[in-house]
Amino acid sequence: MRYTVYVFMIAVLLVLAGSASAEQIVVQMNLISDQGSGASIGTVTLTDTPQGLTIAPVLSGLKPGNHGFHIHEKPECTAGLMNGKPAPGLAAGGHYDPASTGKHEGPVGNGHLGDLPFLKVGADGKATETVVAPRLKTGEVKGRSLMIHAGGDNYADVPEKLGGGGGRIACGVIK
């Protein structure tokens, strides 16, 4: 009996130690415009798990529906120039693509590592559904940005390049 109690206690301690070592990053998300960052819309928590990077949003104030959701190359959310005019979030660069695949194939495809599952926003404008990016870990996304696009994402480059998600509407720097 005493042996069973010790084994159980050791097992509990190992589980707690394993969960304590899982890195977690909280990303502050803000609306963005051609003028820069605006109002806070909440946070997204990134956590390493055996399944990959778990992405837990607690966001509000967004248009209902599916939104393109990506890790972008640079830790910037400021505007940049497109065709000579300021455009929201362009300083973040493109989708995170360390292997230079140049492909947009979704979170489980062989393209950009920055392709994340959809951000699903309810009728109330809130996004709280946790998703997993199986090919990523926190160490790879630190020093980059997390971007929300205006529309959905078809995870392909046709009929529109980069899934047709449209403009960048919210951004957070992953520290």
N, C-alpha and C. Protein backbone atom coordinates (compact mmCIF):
# COMPACT_ATOMS: atom_id res chain seq x y z
N MET A 1 0.83 -1.19 0.00
CA MET A 1 0.00 0.00 0.00
C MET A 1 0.88 1.26 0.00
N ARG A 2 1.87 1.28 0.91
CA ARG A 2 2.75 2.45 1.01
C ARG A 2 3.49 2.67 -0.31
N TYR A 3 3.95 1.60 -0.96
CA TYR A 3 4.64 1.69 -2.24
C TYR A 3 3.74 2.35 -3.29
N THR A 4 2.46 1.98 -3.32
CA THR A 4 1.50 2.54 -4.28
C THR A 4 1.35 4.04 -4.07
N VAL A 5 1.30 4.48 -2.83
CA VAL A 5 1.17 5.90 -2.53
C VAL A 5 2.40 6.66 -3.03
N TYR A 6 3.60 6.10 -2.81
CA TYR A 6 4.82 6.75 -3.27
C TYR A 6 4.86 6.84 -4.80
N VAL A 7 4.50 5.77 -5.46
CA VAL A 7 4.48 5.77 -6.92
C VAL A 7 3.49 6.81 -7.43
N PHE A 8 2.32 6.88 -6.82
CA PHE A 8 1.31 7.87 -7.21
C PHE A 8 1.83 9.29 -7.01
N MET A 9 2.46 9.55 -5.87
CA MET A 9 2.99 10.89 -5.59
C MET A 9 4.08 11.27 -6.60
N ILE A 10 4.94 10.32 -6.93
CA ILE A 10 6.00 10.60 -7.90
C ILE A 10 5.39 10.89 -9.27
N ALA A 11 4.38 10.11 -9.65
CA ALA A 11 3.71 10.34 -10.93
C ALA A 11 3.08 11.72 -10.99
N VAL A 12 2.43 12.14 -9.92
CA VAL A 12 1.81 13.47 -9.86
C VAL A 12 2.88 14.55 -9.98
N LEU A 13 3.98 14.40 -9.27
CA LEU A 13 5.06 15.39 -9.34
C LEU A 13 5.65 15.48 -10.75
N LEU A 14 5.80 14.35 -11.42
CA LEU A 14 6.33 14.37 -12.79
C LEU A 14 5.37 15.07 -13.74
N VAL A 15 4.08 14.83 -13.59
CA VAL A 15 3.09 15.51 -14.44
C VAL A 15 3.14 17.00 -14.19
N LEU A 16 3.18 17.40 -12.92
CA LEU A 16 3.24 18.83 -12.60
C LEU A 16 4.52 19.46 -13.12
N ALA A 17 5.62 18.77 -13.00
CA ALA A 17 6.89 19.31 -13.49
C ALA A 17 6.86 19.45 -15.00
N GLY A 18 6.27 18.48 -15.70
CA GLY A 18 6.17 18.56 -17.16
C GLY A 18 5.31 19.71 -17.61
N SER A 19 4.18 19.94 -16.93
CA SER A 19 3.31 21.04 -17.33
C SER A 19 3.91 22.38 -16.96
N ALA A 20 4.71 22.41 -15.90
CA ALA A 20 5.33 23.66 -15.49
C ALA A 20 6.42 24.07 -16.48
N SER A 21 7.03 23.07 -17.15
CA SER A 21 8.11 23.40 -18.07
C SER A 21 7.59 23.82 -19.45
N ALA A 22 6.31 23.60 -19.74
CA ALA A 22 5.75 24.00 -21.02
C ALA A 22 5.78 25.52 -21.10
N GLU A 23 6.47 26.03 -22.10
CA GLU A 23 6.57 27.48 -22.23
C GLU A 23 5.24 28.07 -22.65
N GLN A 24 4.95 29.23 -22.10
CA GLN A 24 3.71 29.92 -22.40
C GLN A 24 4.02 31.40 -22.64
N ILE A 25 3.42 31.94 -23.71
CA ILE A 25 3.61 33.35 -24.06
C ILE A 25 2.23 33.99 -24.22
N VAL A 26 2.02 35.12 -23.57
CA VAL A 26 0.77 35.85 -23.72
C VAL A 26 1.02 37.03 -24.66
N VAL A 27 0.24 37.07 -25.74
CA VAL A 27 0.41 38.11 -26.76
C VAL A 27 -0.75 39.10 -26.66
N GLN A 28 -0.43 40.36 -26.45
CA GLN A 28 -1.43 41.43 -26.43
C GLN A 28 -1.81 41.76 -27.87
N MET A 29 -3.10 41.71 -28.18
CA MET A 29 -3.56 41.97 -29.55
C MET A 29 -4.27 43.31 -29.62
N ASN A 30 -3.97 44.06 -30.67
CA ASN A 30 -4.58 45.37 -30.89
C ASN A 30 -5.10 45.49 -32.31
N LEU A 31 -6.17 46.26 -32.47
CA LEU A 31 -6.62 46.60 -33.81
C LEU A 31 -5.52 47.42 -34.46
N ILE A 32 -5.40 47.33 -35.79
CA ILE A 32 -4.40 48.12 -36.49
C ILE A 32 -5.05 48.86 -37.66
N SER A 33 -4.43 49.97 -38.02
CA SER A 33 -4.90 50.76 -39.16
C SER A 33 -3.67 51.31 -39.88
N ASP A 34 -3.91 52.11 -40.90
CA ASP A 34 -2.77 52.71 -41.59
C ASP A 34 -2.07 53.76 -40.73
N GLN A 35 -2.65 54.07 -39.56
CA GLN A 35 -2.04 55.00 -38.61
C GLN A 35 -1.23 54.27 -37.54
N GLY A 36 -1.34 52.92 -37.47
CA GLY A 36 -0.60 52.14 -36.48
C GLY A 36 -1.54 51.34 -35.59
N SER A 37 -1.08 51.01 -34.39
CA SER A 37 -1.87 50.21 -33.45
C SER A 37 -2.95 51.04 -32.79
N GLY A 38 -4.09 50.38 -32.57
CA GLY A 38 -5.24 51.04 -31.94
C GLY A 38 -5.63 50.33 -30.66
N ALA A 39 -6.92 50.21 -30.45
CA ALA A 39 -7.48 49.67 -29.22
C ALA A 39 -7.13 48.19 -29.02
N SER A 40 -6.97 47.82 -27.76
CA SER A 40 -6.75 46.42 -27.40
C SER A 40 -8.03 45.62 -27.65
N ILE A 41 -7.87 44.41 -28.18
CA ILE A 41 -9.01 43.52 -28.35
C ILE A 41 -8.88 42.26 -27.51
N GLY A 42 -7.80 42.17 -26.71
CA GLY A 42 -7.61 41.03 -25.82
C GLY A 42 -6.24 40.41 -25.98
N THR A 43 -6.18 39.12 -25.65
CA THR A 43 -4.90 38.41 -25.67
C THR A 43 -5.04 37.05 -26.36
N VAL A 44 -3.89 36.53 -26.76
CA VAL A 44 -3.79 35.18 -27.27
C VAL A 44 -2.64 34.52 -26.50
N THR A 45 -2.91 33.36 -25.91
CA THR A 45 -1.89 32.64 -25.16
C THR A 45 -1.36 31.50 -26.01
N LEU A 46 -0.04 31.47 -26.16
CA LEU A 46 0.65 30.43 -26.93
C LEU A 46 1.35 29.50 -25.95
N THR A 47 1.11 28.19 -26.09
CA THR A 47 1.67 27.21 -25.16
C THR A 47 2.19 26.00 -25.93
N ASP A 48 3.40 25.56 -25.58
CA ASP A 48 3.95 24.34 -26.15
C ASP A 48 3.23 23.14 -25.56
N THR A 49 2.83 22.22 -26.43
CA THR A 49 2.22 20.96 -26.00
C THR A 49 2.81 19.85 -26.87
N PRO A 50 2.62 18.60 -26.49
CA PRO A 50 3.10 17.51 -27.35
C PRO A 50 2.45 17.52 -28.73
N GLN A 51 1.27 18.12 -28.86
CA GLN A 51 0.58 18.20 -30.15
C GLN A 51 1.06 19.36 -31.01
N GLY A 52 1.82 20.27 -30.44
CA GLY A 52 2.29 21.45 -31.16
C GLY A 52 1.98 22.70 -30.36
N LEU A 53 1.91 23.83 -31.03
CA LEU A 53 1.65 25.12 -30.40
C LEU A 53 0.15 25.29 -30.20
N THR A 54 -0.28 25.36 -28.94
CA THR A 54 -1.68 25.60 -28.63
C THR A 54 -1.89 27.10 -28.59
N ILE A 55 -2.95 27.55 -29.27
CA ILE A 55 -3.24 28.98 -29.42
C ILE A 55 -4.61 29.23 -28.83
N ALA A 56 -4.63 29.94 -27.69
CA ALA A 56 -5.86 30.17 -26.95
C ALA A 56 -6.22 31.66 -26.95
N PRO A 57 -7.15 32.06 -27.83
CA PRO A 57 -7.53 33.48 -27.89
C PRO A 57 -8.59 33.84 -26.85
N VAL A 58 -8.50 35.04 -26.34
CA VAL A 58 -9.55 35.67 -25.54
C VAL A 58 -9.70 37.06 -26.13
N LEU A 59 -10.47 37.13 -27.23
CA LEU A 59 -10.56 38.35 -28.02
C LEU A 59 -12.01 38.79 -28.16
N SER A 60 -12.21 40.08 -28.35
CA SER A 60 -13.56 40.61 -28.58
C SER A 60 -13.47 41.80 -29.53
N GLY A 61 -14.65 42.20 -30.05
CA GLY A 61 -14.70 43.36 -30.92
C GLY A 61 -14.34 43.07 -32.37
N LEU A 62 -14.43 41.82 -32.77
CA LEU A 62 -14.11 41.44 -34.14
C LEU A 62 -15.38 41.11 -34.92
N LYS A 63 -15.30 41.20 -36.24
CA LYS A 63 -16.41 40.85 -37.11
C LYS A 63 -16.64 39.34 -37.03
N PRO A 64 -17.89 38.88 -36.86
CA PRO A 64 -18.16 37.44 -36.80
C PRO A 64 -17.73 36.71 -38.07
N GLY A 65 -17.35 35.45 -37.89
CA GLY A 65 -16.95 34.60 -39.01
C GLY A 65 -15.52 34.11 -38.86
N ASN A 66 -15.03 33.43 -39.88
CA ASN A 66 -13.66 32.93 -39.89
C ASN A 66 -12.71 34.02 -40.39
N HIS A 67 -11.56 34.09 -39.75
CA HIS A 67 -10.54 35.06 -40.12
C HIS A 67 -9.22 34.34 -40.35
N GLY A 68 -8.46 34.81 -41.36
CA GLY A 68 -7.11 34.32 -41.56
C GLY A 68 -6.29 34.68 -40.32
N PHE A 69 -5.43 33.77 -39.90
CA PHE A 69 -4.68 33.90 -38.66
C PHE A 69 -3.28 33.38 -38.96
N HIS A 70 -2.26 34.22 -38.77
CA HIS A 70 -0.91 33.84 -39.19
C HIS A 70 0.17 34.37 -38.25
N ILE A 71 1.29 33.65 -38.27
CA ILE A 71 2.52 34.17 -37.69
C ILE A 71 3.24 34.88 -38.83
N HIS A 72 3.62 36.14 -38.59
CA HIS A 72 4.36 36.91 -39.59
C HIS A 72 5.82 37.04 -39.17
N GLU A 73 6.68 37.32 -40.13
CA GLU A 73 8.13 37.28 -39.97
C GLU A 73 8.70 38.20 -38.89
N LYS A 74 8.24 39.43 -38.83
CA LYS A 74 8.90 40.44 -38.01
C LYS A 74 8.06 40.84 -36.79
N PRO A 75 8.72 41.27 -35.71
CA PRO A 75 8.01 41.69 -34.50
C PRO A 75 7.51 43.14 -34.59
N GLU A 76 6.70 43.40 -35.59
CA GLU A 76 6.20 44.76 -35.85
C GLU A 76 4.72 44.70 -36.18
N CYS A 77 3.99 45.72 -35.78
CA CYS A 77 2.57 45.82 -36.13
C CYS A 77 2.27 47.16 -36.79
N THR A 78 3.30 47.92 -37.08
CA THR A 78 3.09 49.25 -37.65
C THR A 78 2.75 49.16 -39.14
N ALA A 79 2.26 50.27 -39.66
CA ALA A 79 1.90 50.34 -41.08
C ALA A 79 3.17 50.37 -41.93
N GLY A 80 2.99 50.03 -43.18
CA GLY A 80 4.06 50.12 -44.16
C GLY A 80 3.45 50.65 -45.45
N LEU A 81 4.27 50.86 -46.44
CA LEU A 81 3.77 51.40 -47.70
C LEU A 81 3.46 50.30 -48.70
N MET A 82 2.29 50.43 -49.32
CA MET A 82 1.90 49.55 -50.42
C MET A 82 1.41 50.44 -51.54
N ASN A 83 2.07 50.37 -52.68
CA ASN A 83 1.73 51.24 -53.82
C ASN A 83 1.75 52.72 -53.42
N GLY A 84 2.71 53.07 -52.54
CA GLY A 84 2.88 54.46 -52.13
C GLY A 84 1.93 54.94 -51.06
N LYS A 85 1.06 54.06 -50.54
CA LYS A 85 0.09 54.46 -49.51
C LYS A 85 0.27 53.60 -48.27
N PRO A 86 0.05 54.19 -47.07
CA PRO A 86 0.18 53.41 -45.84
C PRO A 86 -0.87 52.30 -45.79
N ALA A 87 -0.44 51.10 -45.33
CA ALA A 87 -1.33 49.96 -45.19
C ALA A 87 -1.08 49.31 -43.83
N PRO A 88 -2.14 48.91 -43.13
CA PRO A 88 -2.01 48.36 -41.78
C PRO A 88 -1.11 47.13 -41.69
N GLY A 89 -0.22 47.13 -40.71
CA GLY A 89 0.56 45.96 -40.35
C GLY A 89 1.61 45.49 -41.34
N LEU A 90 1.90 46.24 -42.38
CA LEU A 90 2.85 45.77 -43.38
C LEU A 90 4.28 45.63 -42.84
N ALA A 91 4.61 46.34 -41.77
CA ALA A 91 5.96 46.22 -41.20
C ALA A 91 6.20 44.83 -40.63
N ALA A 92 5.15 44.03 -40.44
CA ALA A 92 5.29 42.66 -39.94
C ALA A 92 5.88 41.72 -40.98
N GLY A 93 5.97 42.17 -42.22
CA GLY A 93 6.49 41.31 -43.28
C GLY A 93 5.49 40.26 -43.69
N GLY A 94 5.99 39.24 -44.36
CA GLY A 94 5.12 38.17 -44.85
C GLY A 94 4.93 37.07 -43.82
N HIS A 95 4.24 36.02 -44.25
CA HIS A 95 4.03 34.86 -43.38
C HIS A 95 5.37 34.23 -43.04
N TYR A 96 5.51 33.74 -41.83
CA TYR A 96 6.72 33.08 -41.38
C TYR A 96 6.95 31.84 -42.24
N ASP A 97 8.07 31.81 -42.97
CA ASP A 97 8.35 30.75 -43.93
C ASP A 97 9.86 30.47 -43.95
N PRO A 98 10.39 29.91 -42.83
CA PRO A 98 11.85 29.75 -42.73
C PRO A 98 12.46 28.85 -43.80
N ALA A 99 11.69 27.93 -44.37
CA ALA A 99 12.22 27.03 -45.40
C ALA A 99 12.05 27.63 -46.80
N SER A 100 11.53 28.86 -46.88
CA SER A 100 11.30 29.54 -48.16
C SER A 100 10.51 28.67 -49.14
N THR A 101 9.44 28.08 -48.64
CA THR A 101 8.61 27.22 -49.49
C THR A 101 7.84 28.04 -50.52
N GLY A 102 7.46 29.27 -50.14
CA GLY A 102 6.67 30.11 -51.03
C GLY A 102 5.27 29.57 -51.24
N LYS A 103 4.85 28.62 -50.40
CA LYS A 103 3.53 27.99 -50.56
C LYS A 103 2.64 28.29 -49.36
N HIS A 104 1.37 28.33 -49.63
CA HIS A 104 0.35 28.56 -48.62
C HIS A 104 -0.53 27.31 -48.58
N GLU A 105 -0.25 26.40 -47.63
CA GLU A 105 -0.95 25.13 -47.60
C GLU A 105 -1.62 24.83 -46.27
N GLY A 106 -1.76 25.80 -45.40
CA GLY A 106 -2.46 25.59 -44.14
C GLY A 106 -1.56 25.05 -43.04
N PRO A 107 -2.13 24.90 -41.85
CA PRO A 107 -1.34 24.53 -40.67
C PRO A 107 -0.75 23.13 -40.70
N VAL A 108 -1.28 22.22 -41.54
CA VAL A 108 -0.74 20.87 -41.60
C VAL A 108 -0.08 20.55 -42.94
N GLY A 109 -0.07 21.51 -43.86
CA GLY A 109 0.55 21.31 -45.17
C GLY A 109 2.05 21.49 -45.11
N ASN A 110 2.67 21.52 -46.26
CA ASN A 110 4.13 21.66 -46.35
C ASN A 110 4.56 23.06 -46.75
N GLY A 111 3.69 24.03 -46.60
CA GLY A 111 4.02 25.41 -46.96
C GLY A 111 4.52 26.21 -45.77
N HIS A 112 4.14 27.48 -45.74
CA HIS A 112 4.55 28.39 -44.66
C HIS A 112 4.29 27.78 -43.28
N LEU A 113 5.23 27.94 -42.39
CA LEU A 113 4.99 27.53 -40.99
C LEU A 113 4.04 28.51 -40.31
N GLY A 114 3.94 29.71 -40.83
CA GLY A 114 3.09 30.73 -40.22
C GLY A 114 1.60 30.55 -40.45
N ASP A 115 1.22 29.59 -41.26
CA ASP A 115 -0.21 29.34 -41.49
C ASP A 115 -0.82 28.68 -40.26
N LEU A 116 -1.78 29.35 -39.65
CA LEU A 116 -2.46 28.83 -38.46
C LEU A 116 -3.88 28.43 -38.81
N PRO A 117 -4.52 27.62 -37.95
CA PRO A 117 -5.94 27.34 -38.16
C PRO A 117 -6.74 28.64 -38.11
N PHE A 118 -7.94 28.62 -38.70
CA PHE A 118 -8.80 29.81 -38.66
C PHE A 118 -8.97 30.35 -37.25
N LEU A 119 -9.15 31.65 -37.16
CA LEU A 119 -9.63 32.26 -35.94
C LEU A 119 -11.15 32.35 -36.12
N LYS A 120 -11.88 31.65 -35.28
CA LYS A 120 -13.34 31.62 -35.39
C LYS A 120 -13.95 32.63 -34.42
N VAL A 121 -14.69 33.59 -34.99
CA VAL A 121 -15.30 34.65 -34.19
C VAL A 121 -16.82 34.42 -34.19
N GLY A 122 -17.39 34.37 -32.99
CA GLY A 122 -18.82 34.15 -32.85
C GLY A 122 -19.65 35.37 -33.19
N ALA A 123 -20.96 35.18 -33.19
CA ALA A 123 -21.90 36.26 -33.51
C ALA A 123 -21.76 37.44 -32.55
N ASP A 124 -21.22 37.18 -31.36
CA ASP A 124 -21.02 38.23 -30.36
C ASP A 124 -19.71 38.99 -30.55
N GLY A 125 -18.95 38.65 -31.60
CA GLY A 125 -17.68 39.33 -31.86
C GLY A 125 -16.52 38.81 -31.04
N LYS A 126 -16.73 37.68 -30.34
CA LYS A 126 -15.68 37.12 -29.48
C LYS A 126 -15.06 35.88 -30.11
N ALA A 127 -13.76 35.73 -29.88
CA ALA A 127 -13.02 34.55 -30.31
C ALA A 127 -12.39 33.91 -29.08
N THR A 128 -12.81 32.69 -28.77
CA THR A 128 -12.29 31.99 -27.59
C THR A 128 -11.96 30.53 -27.85
N GLU A 129 -12.10 30.09 -29.10
CA GLU A 129 -11.83 28.69 -29.42
C GLU A 129 -10.34 28.44 -29.55
N THR A 130 -9.83 27.50 -28.76
CA THR A 130 -8.42 27.13 -28.81
C THR A 130 -8.16 26.26 -30.03
N VAL A 131 -7.04 26.53 -30.70
CA VAL A 131 -6.62 25.75 -31.86
C VAL A 131 -5.17 25.31 -31.67
N VAL A 132 -4.71 24.39 -32.51
CA VAL A 132 -3.34 23.89 -32.42
C VAL A 132 -2.65 24.01 -33.78
N ALA A 133 -1.43 24.51 -33.75
CA ALA A 133 -0.56 24.55 -34.93
C ALA A 133 0.48 23.46 -34.72
N PRO A 134 0.28 22.28 -35.32
CA PRO A 134 1.11 21.12 -35.01
C PRO A 134 2.58 21.22 -35.40
N ARG A 135 2.93 22.13 -36.29
CA ARG A 135 4.33 22.21 -36.75
C ARG A 135 5.13 23.30 -36.05
N LEU A 136 4.55 23.96 -35.04
CA LEU A 136 5.23 25.09 -34.39
C LEU A 136 5.46 24.87 -32.90
N LYS A 137 6.45 25.58 -32.37
CA LYS A 137 6.74 25.66 -30.94
C LYS A 137 6.99 27.12 -30.59
N THR A 138 6.90 27.46 -29.30
CA THR A 138 7.08 28.86 -28.89
C THR A 138 8.45 29.41 -29.28
N GLY A 139 9.47 28.59 -29.21
CA GLY A 139 10.81 29.06 -29.55
C GLY A 139 10.94 29.56 -30.98
N GLU A 140 10.11 29.03 -31.88
CA GLU A 140 10.14 29.44 -33.28
C GLU A 140 9.38 30.74 -33.53
N VAL A 141 8.40 31.04 -32.69
CA VAL A 141 7.55 32.21 -32.95
C VAL A 141 7.94 33.45 -32.15
N LYS A 142 8.79 33.28 -31.14
CA LYS A 142 9.26 34.44 -30.39
C LYS A 142 9.96 35.41 -31.34
N GLY A 143 9.72 36.71 -31.14
CA GLY A 143 10.37 37.70 -31.99
C GLY A 143 9.69 37.83 -33.33
N ARG A 144 8.43 37.44 -33.40
CA ARG A 144 7.63 37.56 -34.63
C ARG A 144 6.32 38.26 -34.26
N SER A 145 5.37 38.27 -35.17
CA SER A 145 4.07 38.87 -34.85
C SER A 145 2.95 37.90 -35.18
N LEU A 146 1.83 38.10 -34.51
CA LEU A 146 0.62 37.31 -34.71
C LEU A 146 -0.39 38.23 -35.38
N MET A 147 -0.92 37.81 -36.54
CA MET A 147 -1.76 38.69 -37.35
C MET A 147 -3.14 38.08 -37.57
N ILE A 148 -4.16 38.95 -37.50
CA ILE A 148 -5.53 38.57 -37.85
C ILE A 148 -5.91 39.35 -39.10
N HIS A 149 -6.47 38.62 -40.07
CA HIS A 149 -6.88 39.22 -41.34
C HIS A 149 -8.39 39.45 -41.36
N ALA A 150 -8.85 40.32 -42.24
CA ALA A 150 -10.26 40.71 -42.31
C ALA A 150 -11.17 39.55 -42.69
N GLY A 151 -10.72 38.67 -43.58
CA GLY A 151 -11.57 37.58 -44.06
C GLY A 151 -11.00 36.23 -43.77
N GLY A 152 -11.70 35.21 -44.27
CA GLY A 152 -11.28 33.83 -44.09
C GLY A 152 -10.04 33.51 -44.90
N ASP A 153 -9.68 32.25 -44.90
CA ASP A 153 -8.46 31.80 -45.53
C ASP A 153 -8.73 30.44 -46.15
N ASN A 154 -8.45 30.28 -47.46
CA ASN A 154 -8.69 28.98 -48.09
C ASN A 154 -7.43 28.11 -48.12
N TYR A 155 -6.34 28.56 -47.50
CA TYR A 155 -5.08 27.82 -47.42
C TYR A 155 -4.52 27.45 -48.79
N ALA A 156 -4.75 28.29 -49.75
CA ALA A 156 -4.23 28.07 -51.11
C ALA A 156 -3.84 29.42 -51.70
N ASP A 157 -3.15 29.39 -52.79
CA ASP A 157 -2.76 30.64 -53.46
C ASP A 157 -3.64 30.96 -54.65
N VAL A 158 -4.71 30.19 -54.84
CA VAL A 158 -5.68 30.47 -55.89
C VAL A 158 -7.08 30.38 -55.29
N PRO A 159 -8.02 31.17 -55.65
CA PRO A 159 -7.93 32.17 -56.70
C PRO A 159 -7.17 33.42 -56.28
N GLU A 160 -6.93 33.61 -54.97
CA GLU A 160 -6.17 34.78 -54.52
C GLU A 160 -4.94 34.33 -53.76
N LYS A 161 -3.85 35.08 -53.94
CA LYS A 161 -2.59 34.79 -53.25
C LYS A 161 -2.80 34.81 -51.73
N LEU A 162 -2.11 33.95 -51.04
CA LEU A 162 -2.11 33.87 -49.57
C LEU A 162 -3.49 33.60 -48.98
N GLY A 163 -4.33 32.87 -49.69
CA GLY A 163 -5.60 32.43 -49.13
C GLY A 163 -6.74 33.40 -49.20
N GLY A 164 -6.50 34.59 -49.70
CA GLY A 164 -7.58 35.57 -49.86
C GLY A 164 -8.12 36.13 -48.57
N GLY A 165 -7.33 36.15 -47.51
CA GLY A 165 -7.79 36.65 -46.21
C GLY A 165 -8.01 38.15 -46.16
N GLY A 166 -7.49 38.86 -47.12
CA GLY A 166 -7.70 40.31 -47.16
C GLY A 166 -6.78 41.05 -46.22
N GLY A 167 -7.18 42.28 -45.93
CA GLY A 167 -6.36 43.19 -45.14
C GLY A 167 -6.05 42.70 -43.74
N ARG A 168 -5.03 43.29 -43.17
CA ARG A 168 -4.60 42.98 -41.80
C ARG A 168 -5.39 43.91 -40.87
N ILE A 169 -6.08 43.32 -39.88
CA ILE A 169 -6.95 44.13 -39.02
C ILE A 169 -6.52 44.16 -37.56
N ALA A 170 -5.75 43.17 -37.11
CA ALA A 170 -5.29 43.16 -35.72
C ALA A 170 -3.94 42.44 -35.65
N CYS A 171 -3.13 42.85 -34.67
CA CYS A 171 -1.76 42.35 -34.62
C CYS A 171 -1.26 42.39 -33.19
N GLY A 172 -0.32 41.48 -32.88
CA GLY A 172 0.36 41.48 -31.60
C GLY A 172 1.78 41.00 -31.79
N VAL A 173 2.72 41.58 -31.05
CA VAL A 173 4.12 41.17 -31.12
C VAL A 173 4.33 40.04 -30.12
N ILE A 174 4.98 38.97 -30.58
CA ILE A 174 5.25 37.80 -29.74
C ILE A 174 6.60 38.02 -29.08
N LYS A 175 6.59 38.24 -27.77
CA LYS A 175 7.82 38.56 -27.03
C LYS A 175 8.33 37.36 -26.27
